[in-house]
Amino acid sequence: MSTSDDIRIRSRRHADGVDVLVLMLHPMESGLRTDDQGRRVPAHYIIDATITVDARVVLEAQLGIAVARDPLLQFRLDNAPAGGTIRVVWRDNRGVTQAATAVLA
Protein backbone atom coordinates (compact mmCIF):
# COMPACT_ATOMS: atom_id res chain seq x y z
CA MET A 1 0.00 0.00 0.00
CA SER A 2 1.30 3.43 -0.79
CA THR A 3 0.39 6.88 0.44
CA SER A 4 -0.96 8.78 -2.48
CA ASP A 5 -0.96 12.29 -3.86
CA ASP A 6 -3.70 10.90 -6.12
CA ILE A 7 -6.31 11.14 -3.36
CA ARG A 8 -7.46 14.59 -2.32
CA ILE A 9 -9.54 15.05 0.80
CA ARG A 10 -11.34 18.27 1.73
CA SER A 11 -13.69 18.94 4.63
CA ARG A 12 -15.81 21.88 5.72
CA ARG A 13 -17.54 22.10 9.09
CA HIS A 14 -21.12 23.41 9.32
CA ALA A 15 -23.46 23.74 12.28
CA ASP A 16 -25.10 20.40 11.40
CA GLY A 17 -22.02 18.36 10.45
CA VAL A 18 -18.95 18.14 8.27
CA ASP A 19 -19.13 18.03 4.48
CA VAL A 20 -16.39 15.84 3.01
CA LEU A 21 -15.14 15.65 -0.59
CA VAL A 22 -12.82 12.85 -1.67
CA LEU A 23 -11.30 13.02 -5.17
CA MET A 24 -9.56 9.86 -6.35
CA LEU A 25 -7.43 10.49 -9.44
CA HIS A 26 -7.70 7.30 -11.51
CA PRO A 27 -8.19 6.52 -15.23
CA MET A 28 -11.20 4.22 -14.56
CA GLU A 29 -10.89 2.37 -17.88
CA SER A 30 -13.75 -0.08 -18.45
CA GLY A 31 -11.88 -2.40 -20.80
CA LEU A 32 -14.58 -1.79 -23.43
CA ARG A 33 -13.03 1.27 -25.11
CA THR A 34 -10.67 1.12 -28.09
CA ASP A 35 -7.80 3.49 -28.84
CA ASP A 36 -7.15 5.37 -32.11
CA GLN A 37 -5.62 2.26 -33.67
CA GLY A 38 -8.62 0.10 -32.80
CA ARG A 39 -6.88 -1.77 -29.96
CA ARG A 40 -8.85 -2.42 -26.81
CA VAL A 41 -7.71 -0.32 -23.82
CA PRO A 42 -7.17 -2.73 -20.89
CA ALA A 43 -9.52 -2.50 -17.92
CA HIS A 44 -8.18 -0.45 -15.02
CA TYR A 45 -10.69 0.73 -12.43
CA ILE A 46 -11.21 1.12 -8.69
CA ILE A 47 -13.23 -1.75 -7.22
CA ASP A 48 -13.67 -0.56 -3.65
CA ALA A 49 -12.98 2.32 -1.30
CA THR A 50 -13.18 2.52 2.49
CA ILE A 51 -13.28 5.74 4.48
CA THR A 52 -12.66 5.83 8.21
CA VAL A 53 -12.69 8.57 10.82
CA ASP A 54 -10.45 7.82 13.80
CA ALA A 55 -10.39 4.13 12.73
CA ARG A 56 -14.23 3.88 12.59
CA VAL A 57 -15.63 2.98 9.15
CA VAL A 58 -17.97 5.73 7.96
CA LEU A 59 -18.30 4.77 4.28
CA GLU A 60 -17.66 1.68 2.17
CA ALA A 61 -18.14 1.99 -1.57
CA GLN A 62 -18.03 -0.54 -4.38
CA LEU A 63 -17.08 1.03 -7.69
CA GLY A 64 -16.72 -0.48 -11.14
CA ILE A 65 -16.52 0.12 -14.86
CA ALA A 66 -19.57 2.42 -14.94
CA VAL A 67 -17.83 5.07 -12.80
CA ALA A 68 -16.19 7.97 -14.66
CA ARG A 69 -12.53 8.94 -14.55
CA ASP A 70 -11.37 10.54 -11.29
CA PRO A 71 -14.27 9.53 -9.02
CA LEU A 72 -15.49 12.15 -6.55
CA LEU A 73 -17.26 11.04 -3.38
CA GLN A 74 -19.20 13.63 -1.41
CA PHE A 75 -20.91 12.99 1.91
CA ARG A 76 -21.82 14.59 5.24
CA LEU A 77 -20.70 13.37 8.64
CA ASP A 78 -22.83 14.06 11.72
CA ASN A 79 -21.12 14.33 15.10
CA ALA A 80 -17.62 14.12 13.60
CA PRO A 81 -14.89 15.30 15.97
CA ALA A 82 -13.01 18.45 14.97
CA GLY A 83 -9.41 17.45 14.37
CA GLY A 84 -10.32 13.81 13.79
CA THR A 85 -8.30 11.82 11.28
CA ILE A 86 -10.01 10.79 8.07
CA ARG A 87 -8.41 7.99 6.06
CA VAL A 88 -9.28 6.90 2.53
CA VAL A 89 -8.09 3.57 1.10
CA TRP A 90 -8.98 2.27 -2.36
CA ARG A 91 -8.09 -0.86 -4.31
CA ASP A 92 -8.25 -1.36 -8.06
CA ASN A 93 -8.70 -4.38 -10.32
CA ARG A 94 -4.94 -4.64 -10.86
CA GLY A 95 -4.28 -5.07 -7.13
CA VAL A 96 -2.97 -1.55 -6.58
CA THR A 97 -3.96 -0.02 -3.24
CA GLN A 98 -3.64 3.66 -2.40
CA ALA A 99 -4.27 5.51 0.86
CA ALA A 100 -4.37 9.06 2.13
CA THR A 101 -5.18 10.77 5.42
CA ALA A 102 -6.27 14.26 6.41
CA VAL A 103 -7.47 16.12 9.48
CA LEU A 104 -11.18 16.98 9.62
CA ALA A 105 -12.13 20.64 9.77
PDB file of N, CA and C in Angstrom:
ATOM      1  N   MET A   1       0.853  -1.176   0.000  1.00  0.00           N
ATOM      2  CA  MET A   1       0.000   0.000   0.000  1.00  0.00           C
ATOM      3  C   MET A   1       0.889   1.226   0.000  1.00  0.00           C
ATOM      4  N   SER A   2       0.508   2.204  -0.767  1.00  0.00           N
ATOM      5  CA  SER A   2       1.297   3.427  -0.793  1.00  0.00           C
ATOM      6  C   SER A   2       0.425   4.613  -0.399  1.00  0.00           C
ATOM      7  N   THR A   3       1.086   5.623   0.160  1.00  0.00           N
ATOM      8  CA  THR A   3       0.394   6.876   0.443  1.00  0.00           C
ATOM      9  C   THR A   3       0.366   7.652  -0.857  1.00  0.00           C
ATOM     10  N   SER A   4      -0.750   8.259  -1.139  1.00  0.00           N
ATOM     11  CA  SER A   4      -0.955   8.783  -2.477  1.00  0.00           C
ATOM     12  C   SER A   4      -1.208  10.281  -2.521  1.00  0.00           C
ATOM     13  N   ASP A   5      -0.601  10.919  -3.522  1.00  0.00           N
ATOM     14  CA  ASP A   5      -0.959  12.290  -3.863  1.00  0.00           C
ATOM     15  C   ASP A   5      -2.157  12.268  -4.812  1.00  0.00           C
ATOM     16  N   ASP A   6      -2.588  11.054  -5.195  1.00  0.00           N
ATOM     17  CA  ASP A   6      -3.702  10.895  -6.123  1.00  0.00           C
ATOM     18  C   ASP A   6      -5.054  10.853  -5.429  1.00  0.00           C
ATOM     19  N   ILE A   7      -5.059  11.034  -4.118  1.00  0.00           N
ATOM     20  CA  ILE A   7      -6.308  11.136  -3.361  1.00  0.00           C
ATOM     21  C   ILE A   7      -6.303  12.504  -2.692  1.00  0.00           C
ATOM     22  N   ARG A   8      -7.351  13.257  -2.929  1.00  0.00           N
ATOM     23  CA  ARG A   8      -7.457  14.589  -2.318  1.00  0.00           C
ATOM     24  C   ARG A   8      -8.686  14.618  -1.419  1.00  0.00           C
ATOM     25  N   ILE A   9      -8.474  15.036  -0.196  1.00  0.00           N
ATOM     26  CA  ILE A   9      -9.540  15.054   0.803  1.00  0.00           C
ATOM     27  C   ILE A   9      -9.749  16.488   1.272  1.00  0.00           C
ATOM     28  N   ARG A  10     -10.995  16.945   1.243  1.00  0.00           N
ATOM     29  CA  ARG A  10     -11.343  18.273   1.729  1.00  0.00           C
ATOM     30  C   ARG A  10     -12.528  18.131   2.680  1.00  0.00           C
ATOM     31  N   SER A  11     -12.540  18.947   3.721  1.00  0.00           N
ATOM     32  CA  SER A  11     -13.688  18.938   4.634  1.00  0.00           C
ATOM     33  C   SER A  11     -14.036  20.360   5.032  1.00  0.00           C
ATOM     34  N   ARG A  12     -15.320  20.567   5.292  1.00  0.00           N
ATOM     35  CA  ARG A  12     -15.811  21.879   5.716  1.00  0.00           C
ATOM     36  C   ARG A  12     -16.857  21.653   6.797  1.00  0.00           C
ATOM     37  N   ARG A  13     -16.631  22.258   7.945  1.00  0.00           N
ATOM     38  CA  ARG A  13     -17.537  22.101   9.085  1.00  0.00           C
ATOM     39  C   ARG A  13     -18.689  23.092   8.980  1.00  0.00           C
ATOM     40  N   HIS A  14     -19.896  22.602   9.255  1.00  0.00           N
ATOM     41  CA  HIS A  14     -21.116  23.406   9.321  1.00  0.00           C
ATOM     42  C   HIS A  14     -21.762  23.148  10.674  1.00  0.00           C
ATOM     43  N   ALA A  15     -22.781  23.902  10.995  1.00  0.00           N
ATOM     44  CA  ALA A  15     -23.462  23.737  12.283  1.00  0.00           C
ATOM     45  C   ALA A  15     -24.051  22.332  12.431  1.00  0.00           C
ATOM     46  N   ASP A  16     -24.458  21.717  11.321  1.00  0.00           N
ATOM     47  CA  ASP A  16     -25.099  20.404  11.396  1.00  0.00           C
ATOM     48  C   ASP A  16     -24.214  19.249  10.934  1.00  0.00           C
ATOM     49  N   GLY A  17     -22.917  19.449  10.822  1.00  0.00           N
ATOM     50  CA  GLY A  17     -22.019  18.355  10.452  1.00  0.00           C
ATOM     51  C   GLY A  17     -20.820  18.824   9.669  1.00  0.00           C
ATOM     52  N   VAL A  18     -20.141  17.859   9.077  1.00  0.00           N
ATOM     53  CA  VAL A  18     -18.950  18.139   8.271  1.00  0.00           C
ATOM     54  C   VAL A  18     -19.192  17.600   6.866  1.00  0.00           C
ATOM     55  N   ASP A  19     -19.066  18.464   5.870  1.00  0.00           N
ATOM     56  CA  ASP A  19     -19.131  18.029   4.476  1.00  0.00           C
ATOM     57  C   ASP A  19     -17.745  17.580   4.054  1.00  0.00           C
ATOM     58  N   VAL A  20     -17.673  16.408   3.423  1.00  0.00           N
ATOM     59  CA  VAL A  20     -16.392  15.840   3.005  1.00  0.00           C
ATOM     60  C   VAL A  20     -16.425  15.580   1.509  1.00  0.00           C
ATOM     61  N   LEU A  21     -15.346  15.952   0.833  1.00  0.00           N
ATOM     62  CA  LEU A  21     -15.139  15.648  -0.586  1.00  0.00           C
ATOM     63  C   LEU A  21     -13.877  14.810  -0.705  1.00  0.00           C
ATOM     64  N   VAL A  22     -13.973  13.710  -1.426  1.00  0.00           N
ATOM     65  CA  VAL A  22     -12.818  12.849  -1.671  1.00  0.00           C
ATOM     66  C   VAL A  22     -12.688  12.673  -3.178  1.00  0.00           C
ATOM     67  N   LEU A  23     -11.598  13.166  -3.744  1.00  0.00           N
ATOM     68  CA  LEU A  23     -11.303  13.023  -5.167  1.00  0.00           C
ATOM     69  C   LEU A  23     -10.219  11.971  -5.318  1.00  0.00           C
ATOM     70  N   MET A  24     -10.513  10.938  -6.117  1.00  0.00           N
ATOM     71  CA  MET A  24      -9.557   9.863  -6.351  1.00  0.00           C
ATOM     72  C   MET A  24      -9.135   9.918  -7.821  1.00  0.00           C
ATOM     73  N   LEU A  25      -7.911  10.371  -8.067  1.00  0.00           N
ATOM     74  CA  LEU A  25      -7.426  10.489  -9.442  1.00  0.00           C
ATOM     75  C   LEU A  25      -7.096   9.088  -9.960  1.00  0.00           C
ATOM     76  N   HIS A  26      -7.856   8.657 -10.969  1.00  0.00           N
ATOM     77  CA  HIS A  26      -7.696   7.305 -11.508  1.00  0.00           C
ATOM     78  C   HIS A  26      -8.299   7.266 -12.906  1.00  0.00           C
ATOM     79  N   PRO A  27      -7.686   6.533 -13.854  1.00  0.00           N
ATOM     80  CA  PRO A  27      -8.195   6.523 -15.229  1.00  0.00           C
ATOM     81  C   PRO A  27      -9.565   5.854 -15.385  1.00  0.00           C
ATOM     82  N   MET A  28      -9.910   4.906 -14.530  1.00  0.00           N
ATOM     83  CA  MET A  28     -11.205   4.223 -14.564  1.00  0.00           C
ATOM     84  C   MET A  28     -11.547   3.727 -15.974  1.00  0.00           C
ATOM     85  N   GLU A  29     -10.656   2.952 -16.555  1.00  0.00           N
ATOM     86  CA  GLU A  29     -10.887   2.368 -17.879  1.00  0.00           C
ATOM     87  C   GLU A  29     -11.743   1.111 -17.744  1.00  0.00           C
ATOM     88  N   SER A  30     -12.794   1.022 -18.532  1.00  0.00           N
ATOM     89  CA  SER A  30     -13.748  -0.079 -18.445  1.00  0.00           C
ATOM     90  C   SER A  30     -13.244  -1.367 -19.096  1.00  0.00           C
ATOM     91  N   GLY A  31     -12.309  -1.244 -20.023  1.00  0.00           N
ATOM     92  CA  GLY A  31     -11.882  -2.403 -20.800  1.00  0.00           C
ATOM     93  C   GLY A  31     -12.716  -2.575 -22.057  1.00  0.00           C
ATOM     94  N   LEU A  32     -13.684  -1.711 -22.264  1.00  0.00           N
ATOM     95  CA  LEU A  32     -14.575  -1.790 -23.430  1.00  0.00           C
ATOM     96  C   LEU A  32     -14.220  -0.779 -24.515  1.00  0.00           C
ATOM     97  N   ARG A  33     -13.395   0.201 -24.179  1.00  0.00           N
ATOM     98  CA  ARG A  33     -13.034   1.273 -25.110  1.00  0.00           C
ATOM     99  C   ARG A  33     -11.869   0.830 -25.991  1.00  0.00           C
ATOM    100  N   THR A  34     -11.811   1.376 -27.206  1.00  0.00           N
ATOM    101  CA  THR A  34     -10.669   1.123 -28.087  1.00  0.00           C
ATOM    102  C   THR A  34      -9.922   2.434 -28.309  1.00  0.00           C
ATOM    103  N   ASP A  35      -8.606   2.306 -28.581  1.00  0.00           N
ATOM    104  CA  ASP A  35      -7.796   3.494 -28.839  1.00  0.00           C
ATOM    105  C   ASP A  35      -7.905   3.886 -30.309  1.00  0.00           C
ATOM    106  N   ASP A  36      -7.089   4.866 -30.734  1.00  0.00           N
ATOM    107  CA  ASP A  36      -7.151   5.370 -32.113  1.00  0.00           C
ATOM    108  C   ASP A  36      -6.771   4.330 -33.160  1.00  0.00           C
ATOM    109  N   GLN A  37      -6.014   3.315 -32.743  1.00  0.00           N
ATOM    110  CA  GLN A  37      -5.616   2.259 -33.670  1.00  0.00           C
ATOM    111  C   GLN A  37      -6.566   1.055 -33.620  1.00  0.00           C
ATOM    112  N   GLY A  38      -7.640   1.177 -32.865  1.00  0.00           N
ATOM    113  CA  GLY A  38      -8.622   0.104 -32.798  1.00  0.00           C
ATOM    114  C   GLY A  38      -8.296  -0.982 -31.778  1.00  0.00           C
ATOM    115  N   ARG A  39      -7.239  -0.780 -30.985  1.00  0.00           N
ATOM    116  CA  ARG A  39      -6.878  -1.767 -29.961  1.00  0.00           C
ATOM    117  C   ARG A  39      -7.678  -1.498 -28.702  1.00  0.00           C
ATOM    118  N   ARG A  40      -8.087  -2.562 -28.050  1.00  0.00           N
ATOM    119  CA  ARG A  40      -8.847  -2.423 -26.806  1.00  0.00           C
ATOM    120  C   ARG A  40      -7.944  -1.893 -25.695  1.00  0.00           C
ATOM    121  N   VAL A  41      -8.434  -0.876 -24.962  1.00  0.00           N
ATOM    122  CA  VAL A  41      -7.712  -0.318 -23.817  1.00  0.00           C
ATOM    123  C   VAL A  41      -7.996  -1.245 -22.630  1.00  0.00           C
ATOM    124  N   PRO A  42      -6.956  -1.778 -21.986  1.00  0.00           N
ATOM    125  CA  PRO A  42      -7.172  -2.728 -20.887  1.00  0.00           C
ATOM    126  C   PRO A  42      -7.952  -2.115 -19.721  1.00  0.00           C
ATOM    127  N   ALA A  43      -8.744  -2.938 -19.081  1.00  0.00           N
ATOM    128  CA  ALA A  43      -9.523  -2.500 -17.920  1.00  0.00           C
ATOM    129  C   ALA A  43      -8.586  -2.071 -16.800  1.00  0.00           C
ATOM    130  N   HIS A  44      -8.943  -0.963 -16.164  1.00  0.00           N
ATOM    131  CA  HIS A  44      -8.184  -0.447 -15.021  1.00  0.00           C
ATOM    132  C   HIS A  44      -9.122   0.473 -14.253  1.00  0.00           C
ATOM    133  N   TYR A  45      -9.688  -0.036 -13.163  1.00  0.00           N
ATOM    134  CA  TYR A  45     -10.688   0.728 -12.430  1.00  0.00           C
ATOM    135  C   TYR A  45     -10.645   0.388 -10.943  1.00  0.00           C
ATOM    136  N   ILE A  46     -11.125   1.323 -10.134  1.00  0.00           N
ATOM    137  CA  ILE A  46     -11.209   1.120  -8.688  1.00  0.00           C
ATOM    138  C   ILE A  46     -12.378   0.183  -8.411  1.00  0.00           C
ATOM    139  N   ILE A  47     -12.139  -0.832  -7.557  1.00  0.00           N
ATOM    140  CA  ILE A  47     -13.228  -1.748  -7.221  1.00  0.00           C
ATOM    141  C   ILE A  47     -13.849  -1.448  -5.858  1.00  0.00           C
ATOM    142  N   ASP A  48     -13.063  -0.921  -4.930  1.00  0.00           N
ATOM    143  CA  ASP A  48     -13.671  -0.559  -3.648  1.00  0.00           C
ATOM    144  C   ASP A  48     -12.876   0.534  -2.953  1.00  0.00           C
ATOM    145  N   ALA A  49     -13.587   1.254  -2.095  1.00  0.00           N
ATOM    146  CA  ALA A  49     -12.983   2.324  -1.299  1.00  0.00           C
ATOM    147  C   ALA A  49     -13.579   2.261   0.099  1.00  0.00           C
ATOM    148  N   THR A  50     -12.734   2.489   1.099  1.00  0.00           N
ATOM    149  CA  THR A  50     -13.176   2.515   2.485  1.00  0.00           C
ATOM    150  C   THR A  50     -12.703   3.817   3.108  1.00  0.00           C
ATOM    151  N   ILE A  51     -13.606   4.478   3.814  1.00  0.00           N
ATOM    152  CA  ILE A  51     -13.276   5.737   4.476  1.00  0.00           C
ATOM    153  C   ILE A  51     -13.541   5.563   5.964  1.00  0.00           C
ATOM    154  N   THR A  52     -12.536   5.920   6.758  1.00  0.00           N
ATOM    155  CA  THR A  52     -12.661   5.829   8.211  1.00  0.00           C
ATOM    156  C   THR A  52     -12.394   7.197   8.834  1.00  0.00           C
ATOM    157  N   VAL A  53     -12.991   7.401   9.997  1.00  0.00           N
ATOM    158  CA  VAL A  53     -12.693   8.575  10.821  1.00  0.00           C
ATOM    159  C   VAL A  53     -12.264   8.030  12.173  1.00  0.00           C
ATOM    160  N   ASP A  54     -11.028   8.331  12.553  1.00  0.00           N
ATOM    161  CA  ASP A  54     -10.453   7.816  13.800  1.00  0.00           C
ATOM    162  C   ASP A  54     -10.661   6.307  13.909  1.00  0.00           C
ATOM    163  N   ALA A  55     -10.353   5.592  12.827  1.00  0.00           N
ATOM    164  CA  ALA A  55     -10.390   4.130  12.730  1.00  0.00           C
ATOM    165  C   ALA A  55     -11.810   3.541  12.723  1.00  0.00           C
ATOM    166  N   ARG A  56     -12.847   4.370  12.681  1.00  0.00           N
ATOM    167  CA  ARG A  56     -14.231   3.882  12.585  1.00  0.00           C
ATOM    168  C   ARG A  56     -14.699   4.025  11.137  1.00  0.00           C
ATOM    169  N   VAL A  57     -15.171   2.940  10.541  1.00  0.00           N
ATOM    170  CA  VAL A  57     -15.629   2.977   9.152  1.00  0.00           C
ATOM    171  C   VAL A  57     -16.885   3.847   9.059  1.00  0.00           C
ATOM    172  N   VAL A  58     -16.816   4.851   8.172  1.00  0.00           N
ATOM    173  CA  VAL A  58     -17.967   5.725   7.961  1.00  0.00           C
ATOM    174  C   VAL A  58     -18.554   5.571   6.559  1.00  0.00           C
ATOM    175  N   LEU A  59     -17.795   4.970   5.635  1.00  0.00           N
ATOM    176  CA  LEU A  59     -18.295   4.766   4.280  1.00  0.00           C
ATOM    177  C   LEU A  59     -17.523   3.628   3.628  1.00  0.00           C
ATOM    178  N   GLU A  60     -18.251   2.718   3.006  1.00  0.00           N
ATOM    179  CA  GLU A  60     -17.657   1.679   2.170  1.00  0.00           C
ATOM    180  C   GLU A  60     -18.356   1.766   0.819  1.00  0.00           C
ATOM    181  N   ALA A  61     -17.575   1.848  -0.233  1.00  0.00           N
ATOM    182  CA  ALA A  61     -18.141   1.994  -1.573  1.00  0.00           C
ATOM    183  C   ALA A  61     -17.580   0.922  -2.490  1.00  0.00           C
ATOM    184  N   GLN A  62     -18.453   0.374  -3.327  1.00  0.00           N
ATOM    185  CA  GLN A  62     -18.033  -0.541  -4.381  1.00  0.00           C
ATOM    186  C   GLN A  62     -18.174   0.212  -5.691  1.00  0.00           C
ATOM    187  N   LEU A  63     -17.078   0.327  -6.423  1.00  0.00           N
ATOM    188  CA  LEU A  63     -17.079   1.027  -7.692  1.00  0.00           C
ATOM    189  C   LEU A  63     -16.867   0.005  -8.797  1.00  0.00           C
ATOM    190  N   GLY A  64     -16.909   0.428 -10.025  1.00  0.00           N
ATOM    191  CA  GLY A  64     -16.719  -0.485 -11.140  1.00  0.00           C
ATOM    192  C   GLY A  64     -16.559   0.269 -12.436  1.00  0.00           C
ATOM    193  N   ILE A  65     -16.791  -0.444 -13.537  1.00  0.00           N
ATOM    194  CA  ILE A  65     -16.522   0.121 -14.857  1.00  0.00           C
ATOM    195  C   ILE A  65     -17.468   1.244 -15.253  1.00  0.00           C
ATOM    196  N   ALA A  66     -18.606   1.375 -14.580  1.00  0.00           N
ATOM    197  CA  ALA A  66     -19.569   2.420 -14.937  1.00  0.00           C
ATOM    198  C   ALA A  66     -19.239   3.773 -14.305  1.00  0.00           C
ATOM    199  N   VAL A  67     -18.208   3.832 -13.463  1.00  0.00           N
ATOM    200  CA  VAL A  67     -17.833   5.073 -12.796  1.00  0.00           C
ATOM    201  C   VAL A  67     -16.821   5.828 -13.663  1.00  0.00           C
ATOM    202  N   ALA A  68     -17.039   7.127 -13.805  1.00  0.00           N
ATOM    203  CA  ALA A  68     -16.193   7.966 -14.659  1.00  0.00           C
ATOM    204  C   ALA A  68     -14.789   8.157 -14.086  1.00  0.00           C
ATOM    205  N   ARG A  69     -13.902   8.616 -14.939  1.00  0.00           N
ATOM    206  CA  ARG A  69     -12.531   8.942 -14.548  1.00  0.00           C
ATOM    207  C   ARG A  69     -12.538   9.878 -13.338  1.00  0.00           C
ATOM    208  N   ASP A  70     -11.554   9.699 -12.469  1.00  0.00           N
ATOM    209  CA  ASP A  70     -11.366  10.539 -11.285  1.00  0.00           C
ATOM    210  C   ASP A  70     -12.637  10.636 -10.427  1.00  0.00           C
ATOM    211  N   PRO A  71     -13.046   9.528  -9.831  1.00  0.00           N
ATOM    212  CA  PRO A  71     -14.269   9.534  -9.018  1.00  0.00           C
ATOM    213  C   PRO A  71     -14.206  10.558  -7.877  1.00  0.00           C
ATOM    214  N   LEU A  72     -15.345  11.188  -7.625  1.00  0.00           N
ATOM    215  CA  LEU A  72     -15.491  12.150  -6.551  1.00  0.00           C
ATOM    216  C   LEU A  72     -16.602  11.656  -5.633  1.00  0.00           C
ATOM    217  N   LEU A  73     -16.270  11.424  -4.380  1.00  0.00           N
ATOM    218  CA  LEU A  73     -17.262  11.038  -3.380  1.00  0.00           C
ATOM    219  C   LEU A  73     -17.536  12.246  -2.501  1.00  0.00           C
ATOM    220  N   GLN A  74     -18.808  12.520  -2.260  1.00  0.00           N
ATOM    221  CA  GLN A  74     -19.196  13.631  -1.408  1.00  0.00           C
ATOM    222  C   GLN A  74     -20.207  13.111  -0.402  1.00  0.00           C
ATOM    223  N   PHE A  75     -19.999  13.442   0.879  1.00  0.00           N
ATOM    224  CA  PHE A  75     -20.905  12.986   1.913  1.00  0.00           C
ATOM    225  C   PHE A  75     -20.818  13.907   3.119  1.00  0.00           C
ATOM    226  N   ARG A  76     -21.780  13.783   4.022  1.00  0.00           N
ATOM    227  CA  ARG A  76     -21.823  14.595   5.237  1.00  0.00           C
ATOM    228  C   ARG A  76     -21.690  13.669   6.438  1.00  0.00           C
ATOM    229  N   LEU A  77     -20.875  14.091   7.390  1.00  0.00           N
ATOM    230  CA  LEU A  77     -20.704  13.373   8.640  1.00  0.00           C
ATOM    231  C   LEU A  77     -21.399  14.150   9.758  1.00  0.00           C
ATOM    232  N   ASP A  78     -22.224  13.458  10.530  1.00  0.00           N
ATOM    233  CA  ASP A  78     -22.833  14.063  11.715  1.00  0.00           C
ATOM    234  C   ASP A  78     -21.969  13.691  12.915  1.00  0.00           C
ATOM    235  N   ASN A  79     -21.846  14.594  13.856  1.00  0.00           N
ATOM    236  CA  ASN A  79     -21.116  14.327  15.104  1.00  0.00           C
ATOM    237  C   ASN A  79     -19.659  13.921  14.880  1.00  0.00           C
ATOM    238  N   ALA A  80     -19.026  14.426  13.848  1.00  0.00           N
ATOM    239  CA  ALA A  80     -17.617  14.116  13.601  1.00  0.00           C
ATOM    240  C   ALA A  80     -16.743  15.031  14.454  1.00  0.00           C
ATOM    241  N   PRO A  81     -15.732  14.475  15.106  1.00  0.00           N
ATOM    242  CA  PRO A  81     -14.890  15.300  15.972  1.00  0.00           C
ATOM    243  C   PRO A  81     -13.995  16.251  15.175  1.00  0.00           C
ATOM    244  N   ALA A  82     -13.940  17.502  15.595  1.00  0.00           N
ATOM    245  CA  ALA A  82     -13.011  18.446  14.966  1.00  0.00           C
ATOM    246  C   ALA A  82     -11.604  17.935  15.236  1.00  0.00           C
ATOM    247  N   GLY A  83     -10.774  17.934  14.214  1.00  0.00           N
ATOM    248  CA  GLY A  83      -9.410  17.453  14.369  1.00  0.00           C
ATOM    249  C   GLY A  83      -9.277  15.953  14.247  1.00  0.00           C
ATOM    250  N   GLY A  84     -10.378  15.262  13.988  1.00  0.00           N
ATOM    251  CA  GLY A  84     -10.323  13.808  13.794  1.00  0.00           C
ATOM    252  C   GLY A  84      -9.560  13.465  12.526  1.00  0.00           C
ATOM    253  N   THR A  85      -9.058  12.259  12.450  1.00  0.00           N
ATOM    254  CA  THR A  85      -8.297  11.822  11.282  1.00  0.00           C
ATOM    255  C   THR A  85      -9.193  11.034  10.338  1.00  0.00           C
ATOM    256  N   ILE A  86      -9.270  11.510   9.097  1.00  0.00           N
ATOM    257  CA  ILE A  86     -10.014  10.788   8.074  1.00  0.00           C
ATOM    258  C   ILE A  86      -9.009  10.065   7.186  1.00  0.00           C
ATOM    259  N   ARG A  87      -9.298   8.814   6.881  1.00  0.00           N
ATOM    260  CA  ARG A  87      -8.407   7.989   6.063  1.00  0.00           C
ATOM    261  C   ARG A  87      -9.211   7.370   4.929  1.00  0.00           C
ATOM    262  N   VAL A  88      -8.663   7.465   3.726  1.00  0.00           N
ATOM    263  CA  VAL A  88      -9.282   6.897   2.535  1.00  0.00           C
ATOM    264  C   VAL A  88      -8.334   5.834   1.981  1.00  0.00           C
ATOM    265  N   VAL A  89      -8.875   4.657   1.705  1.00  0.00           N
ATOM    266  CA  VAL A  89      -8.095   3.573   1.101  1.00  0.00           C
ATOM    267  C   VAL A  89      -8.913   3.023  -0.062  1.00  0.00           C
ATOM    268  N   TRP A  90      -8.304   2.925  -1.248  1.00  0.00           N
ATOM    269  CA  TRP A  90      -8.979   2.274  -2.358  1.00  0.00           C
ATOM    270  C   TRP A  90      -8.105   1.179  -2.947  1.00  0.00           C
ATOM    271  N   ARG A  91      -8.764   0.265  -3.660  1.00  0.00           N
ATOM    272  CA  ARG A  91      -8.091  -0.863  -4.313  1.00  0.00           C
ATOM    273  C   ARG A  91      -8.647  -0.975  -5.717  1.00  0.00           C
ATOM    274  N   ASP A  92      -7.765  -1.235  -6.693  1.00  0.00           N
ATOM    275  CA  ASP A  92      -8.252  -1.362  -8.062  1.00  0.00           C
ATOM    276  C   ASP A  92      -8.142  -2.804  -8.560  1.00  0.00           C
ATOM    277  N   ASN A  93      -8.643  -3.033  -9.761  1.00  0.00           N
ATOM    278  CA  ASN A  93      -8.701  -4.380 -10.315  1.00  0.00           C
ATOM    279  C   ASN A  93      -7.328  -4.956 -10.665  1.00  0.00           C
ATOM    280  N   ARG A  94      -6.294  -4.157 -10.607  1.00  0.00           N
ATOM    281  CA  ARG A  94      -4.936  -4.640 -10.855  1.00  0.00           C
ATOM    282  C   ARG A  94      -4.193  -4.922  -9.553  1.00  0.00           C
ATOM    283  N   GLY A  95      -4.890  -4.790  -8.428  1.00  0.00           N
ATOM    284  CA  GLY A  95      -4.278  -5.070  -7.132  1.00  0.00           C
ATOM    285  C   GLY A  95      -3.564  -3.904  -6.506  1.00  0.00           C
ATOM    286  N   VAL A  96      -3.607  -2.742  -7.141  1.00  0.00           N
ATOM    287  CA  VAL A  96      -2.970  -1.554  -6.584  1.00  0.00           C
ATOM    288  C   VAL A  96      -3.853  -0.998  -5.471  1.00  0.00           C
ATOM    289  N   THR A  97      -3.242  -0.639  -4.357  1.00  0.00           N
ATOM    290  CA  THR A  97      -3.964  -0.025  -3.242  1.00  0.00           C
ATOM    291  C   THR A  97      -3.315   1.308  -2.946  1.00  0.00           C
ATOM    292  N   GLN A  98      -4.133   2.334  -2.742  1.00  0.00           N
ATOM    293  CA  GLN A  98      -3.642   3.660  -2.401  1.00  0.00           C
ATOM    294  C   GLN A  98      -4.348   4.127  -1.141  1.00  0.00           C
ATOM    295  N   ALA A  99      -3.688   4.984  -0.385  1.00  0.00           N
ATOM    296  CA  ALA A  99      -4.271   5.511   0.859  1.00  0.00           C
ATOM    297  C   ALA A  99      -3.842   6.951   1.056  1.00  0.00           C
ATOM    298  N   ALA A 100      -4.691   7.687   1.767  1.00  0.00           N
ATOM    299  CA  ALA A 100      -4.372   9.059   2.130  1.00  0.00           C
ATOM    300  C   ALA A 100      -5.101   9.398   3.421  1.00  0.00           C
ATOM    301  N   THR A 101      -4.545  10.307   4.176  1.00  0.00           N
ATOM    302  CA  THR A 101      -5.178  10.769   5.419  1.00  0.00           C
ATOM    303  C   THR A 101      -5.215  12.285   5.434  1.00  0.00           C
ATOM    304  N   ALA A 102      -6.142  12.810   6.223  1.00  0.00           N
ATOM    305  CA  ALA A 102      -6.267  14.259   6.413  1.00  0.00           C
ATOM    306  C   ALA A 102      -6.918  14.496   7.761  1.00  0.00           C
ATOM    307  N   VAL A 103      -6.850  15.733   8.217  1.00  0.00           N
ATOM    308  CA  VAL A 103      -7.468  16.125   9.480  1.00  0.00           C
ATOM    309  C   VAL A 103      -8.793  16.790   9.151  1.00  0.00           C
ATOM    310  N   LEU A 104      -9.868  16.375   9.835  1.00  0.00           N
ATOM    311  CA  LEU A 104     -11.180  16.976   9.619  1.00  0.00           C
ATOM    312  C   LEU A 104     -11.227  18.414  10.113  1.00  0.00           C
ATOM    313  N   ALA A 105     -11.935  19.238   9.369  1.00  0.00           N
ATOM    314  CA  ALA A 105     -12.133  20.635   9.772  1.00  0.00           C
ATOM    315  C   ALA A 105     -12.939  20.683  11.047  1.00  0.00           C
TER     316      ALA A 105
END
